[in-house]
């Protein structure tokens, strides 16, 4: 199972960016990528990388409904709007994908 990370505040709030009418939660492949993105965006200064699991995704689905989406950040040094948008189903597939073997 692959571990993905999102930015979360101590009070439990998740960091999300507004994109049109909907918000999208940023998702990173590793905690280091999340910290790099955080260093470039002052809006994330109160947030820390936290591993997301199926329970967190289920809670988001209950709270946000099917309109919620995620931005998979592959290159944290680029602008965050270059991230790939996915929905709940695709995020779940990414989470269960096996880690590449070295």
C-alpha atoms as a PDB file:
ATOM      1  CA  UNK A   1       0.000   0.000   0.000  1.00  0.00           C
ATOM      2  CA  UNK A   2       1.350   3.412  -0.958  1.00  0.00           C
ATOM      3  CA  UNK A   3       1.465   6.184   1.624  1.00  0.00           C
ATOM      4  CA  UNK A   4       0.316   9.579   0.422  1.00  0.00           C
ATOM      5  CA  UNK A   5       0.482  12.830   2.385  1.00  0.00           C
ATOM      6  CA  UNK A   6      -1.690  15.913   2.774  1.00  0.00           C
ATOM      7  CA  UNK A   7      -1.235  19.063   4.821  1.00  0.00           C
ATOM      8  CA  UNK A   8      -3.161  19.212   8.092  1.00  0.00           C
ATOM      9  CA  UNK A   9      -3.375  21.771  10.867  1.00  0.00           C
ATOM     10  CA  UNK A  10      -3.235  20.823  14.563  1.00  0.00           C
ATOM     11  CA  UNK A  11      -6.990  21.476  14.883  1.00  0.00           C
ATOM     12  CA  UNK A  12      -7.679  18.838  12.211  1.00  0.00           C
ATOM     13  CA  UNK A  13      -8.334  21.139   9.239  1.00  0.00           C
ATOM     14  CA  UNK A  14      -6.942  19.978   5.901  1.00  0.00           C
ATOM     15  CA  UNK A  15      -5.242  22.435   3.557  1.00  0.00           C
ATOM     16  CA  UNK A  16      -7.145  22.910   0.306  1.00  0.00           C
ATOM     17  CA  UNK A  17      -6.964  25.350  -2.559  1.00  0.00           C
ATOM     18  CA  UNK A  18      -9.962  26.951  -4.201  1.00  0.00           C
ATOM     19  CA  UNK A  19     -10.391  26.105  -7.847  1.00  0.00           C
ATOM     20  CA  UNK A  20     -13.450  27.756  -9.277  1.00  0.00           C
ATOM     21  CA  UNK A  21     -16.473  26.720  -7.235  1.00  0.00           C
ATOM     22  CA  UNK A  22     -14.831  23.763  -5.498  1.00  0.00           C
ATOM     23  CA  UNK A  23     -11.929  23.183  -3.184  1.00  0.00           C
ATOM     24  CA  UNK A  24      -9.233  20.621  -3.826  1.00  0.00           C
ATOM     25  CA  UNK A  25      -6.982  19.023  -1.224  1.00  0.00           C
ATOM     26  CA  UNK A  26      -3.303  18.848  -2.124  1.00  0.00           C
ATOM     27  CA  UNK A  27      -1.837  15.342  -2.012  1.00  0.00           C
ATOM     28  CA  UNK A  28       1.889  14.588  -2.073  1.00  0.00           C
ATOM     29  CA  UNK A  29       3.885  11.428  -2.755  1.00  0.00           C
ATOM     30  CA  UNK A  30       6.139  12.005   0.273  1.00  0.00           C
ATOM     31  CA  UNK A  31       6.353  14.231   3.339  1.00  0.00           C
ATOM     32  CA  UNK A  32       9.465  15.928   1.980  1.00  0.00           C
ATOM     33  CA  UNK A  33       7.587  17.083  -1.151  1.00  0.00           C
ATOM     34  CA  UNK A  34       4.881  18.506   1.106  1.00  0.00           C
ATOM     35  CA  UNK A  35       7.467  20.451   3.106  1.00  0.00           C
ATOM     36  CA  UNK A  36       9.022  21.846  -0.084  1.00  0.00           C
ATOM     37  CA  UNK A  37       5.604  23.058  -1.261  1.00  0.00           C
ATOM     38  CA  UNK A  38       4.922  24.471   2.205  1.00  0.00           C
ATOM     39  CA  UNK A  39       8.132  26.508   2.084  1.00  0.00           C
ATOM     40  CA  UNK A  40       6.907  28.140  -1.137  1.00  0.00           C
ATOM     41  CA  UNK A  41       3.355  28.956   0.033  1.00  0.00           C
ATOM     42  CA  UNK A  42       2.872  31.070   3.163  1.00  0.00           C
ATOM     43  CA  UNK A  43      -0.744  29.883   3.405  1.00  0.00           C
ATOM     44  CA  UNK A  44       0.515  26.468   4.490  1.00  0.00           C
ATOM     45  CA  UNK A  45       2.764  27.662   7.323  1.00  0.00           C
ATOM     46  CA  UNK A  46       0.439  26.328  10.057  1.00  0.00           C
ATOM     47  CA  UNK A  47       0.064  22.950   8.334  1.00  0.00           C
ATOM     48  CA  UNK A  48       2.211  19.822   8.572  1.00  0.00           C
ATOM     49  CA  UNK A  49       2.389  16.765   6.312  1.00  0.00           C
ATOM     50  CA  UNK A  50       0.238  13.895   7.559  1.00  0.00           C
ATOM     51  CA  UNK A  51      -0.148  10.459   6.007  1.00  0.00           C
ATOM     52  CA  UNK A  52      -3.644  10.029   4.644  1.00  0.00           C
ATOM     53  CA  UNK A  53      -5.422   6.711   4.841  1.00  0.00           C
ATOM     54  CA  UNK A  54      -8.740   5.263   3.780  1.00  0.00           C
ATOM     55  CA  UNK A  55     -10.454   6.568   6.953  1.00  0.00           C
ATOM     56  CA  UNK A  56      -9.364  10.156   6.224  1.00  0.00           C
ATOM     57  CA  UNK A  57     -10.614   9.861   2.650  1.00  0.00           C
ATOM     58  CA  UNK A  58     -13.942   8.429   3.844  1.00  0.00           C
ATOM     59  CA  UNK A  59     -14.355  11.323   6.311  1.00  0.00           C
ATOM     60  CA  UNK A  60     -13.685  13.819   3.535  1.00  0.00           C
ATOM     61  CA  UNK A  61     -16.252  12.140   1.330  1.00  0.00           C
ATOM     62  CA  UNK A  62     -18.884  12.414   4.070  1.00  0.00           C
ATOM     63  CA  UNK A  63     -18.014  16.078   4.689  1.00  0.00           C
ATOM     64  CA  UNK A  64     -17.514  17.265   1.111  1.00  0.00           C
ATOM     65  CA  UNK A  65     -19.612  14.807  -0.870  1.00  0.00           C
ATOM     66  CA  UNK A  66     -18.766  13.825  -4.419  1.00  0.00           C
ATOM     67  CA  UNK A  67     -17.767  17.380  -5.364  1.00  0.00           C
ATOM     68  CA  UNK A  68     -14.477  17.163  -3.458  1.00  0.00           C
ATOM     69  CA  UNK A  69     -11.354  16.590  -5.448  1.00  0.00           C
ATOM     70  CA  UNK A  70      -7.648  16.200  -4.913  1.00  0.00           C
ATOM     71  CA  UNK A  71      -4.592  17.657  -6.602  1.00  0.00           C
ATOM     72  CA  UNK A  72      -1.733  15.182  -6.873  1.00  0.00           C
ATOM     73  CA  UNK A  73       1.450  17.246  -6.618  1.00  0.00           C
ATOM     74  CA  UNK A  74       4.286  15.503  -8.465  1.00  0.00           C
ATOM     75  CA  UNK A  75       6.651  18.469  -8.633  1.00  0.00           C
ATOM     76  CA  UNK A  76       6.473  20.601  -5.477  1.00  0.00           C
ATOM     77  CA  UNK A  77       8.781  23.274  -6.934  1.00  0.00           C
ATOM     78  CA  UNK A  78       6.244  24.116  -9.650  1.00  0.00           C
ATOM     79  CA  UNK A  79       3.098  26.137  -9.106  1.00  0.00           C
ATOM     80  CA  UNK A  80       0.455  24.066  -7.396  1.00  0.00           C
ATOM     81  CA  UNK A  81      -2.029  24.584 -10.222  1.00  0.00           C
ATOM     82  CA  UNK A  82       0.157  22.259 -12.326  1.00  0.00           C
ATOM     83  CA  UNK A  83      -0.932  19.339 -10.160  1.00  0.00           C
ATOM     84  CA  UNK A  84      -3.140  16.559 -11.539  1.00  0.00           C
ATOM     85  CA  UNK A  85      -6.789  16.646 -10.419  1.00  0.00           C
ATOM     86  CA  UNK A  86      -8.323  13.338  -9.313  1.00  0.00           C
ATOM     87  CA  UNK A  87     -11.544  12.306  -7.619  1.00  0.00           C
ATOM     88  CA  UNK A  88     -12.151   9.881  -4.765  1.00  0.00           C
ATOM     89  CA  UNK A  89     -12.064   6.758  -6.936  1.00  0.00           C
ATOM     90  CA  UNK A  90      -8.720   7.563  -8.560  1.00  0.00           C
ATOM     91  CA  UNK A  91      -7.196   8.599  -5.216  1.00  0.00           C
ATOM     92  CA  UNK A  92      -8.249   5.252  -3.735  1.00  0.00           C
ATOM     93  CA  UNK A  93      -6.527   3.464  -6.622  1.00  0.00           C
ATOM     94  CA  UNK A  94      -3.336   5.460  -6.018  1.00  0.00           C
ATOM     95  CA  UNK A  95      -3.424   4.585  -2.336  1.00  0.00           C
ATOM     96  CA  UNK A  96      -3.610   0.834  -2.936  1.00  0.00           C
ATOM     97  CA  UNK A  97      -0.950   0.823  -5.663  1.00  0.00           C
ATOM     98  CA  UNK A  98       2.168  -1.002  -4.621  1.00  0.00           C
ATOM     99  CA  UNK A  99       5.377   0.875  -3.959  1.00  0.00           C
ATOM    100  CA  UNK A 100       7.893   0.391  -6.773  1.00  0.00           C
ATOM    101  CA  UNK A 101      10.581  -2.127  -5.934  1.00  0.00           C
ATOM    102  CA  UNK A 102      14.169  -0.956  -6.065  1.00  0.00           C
END
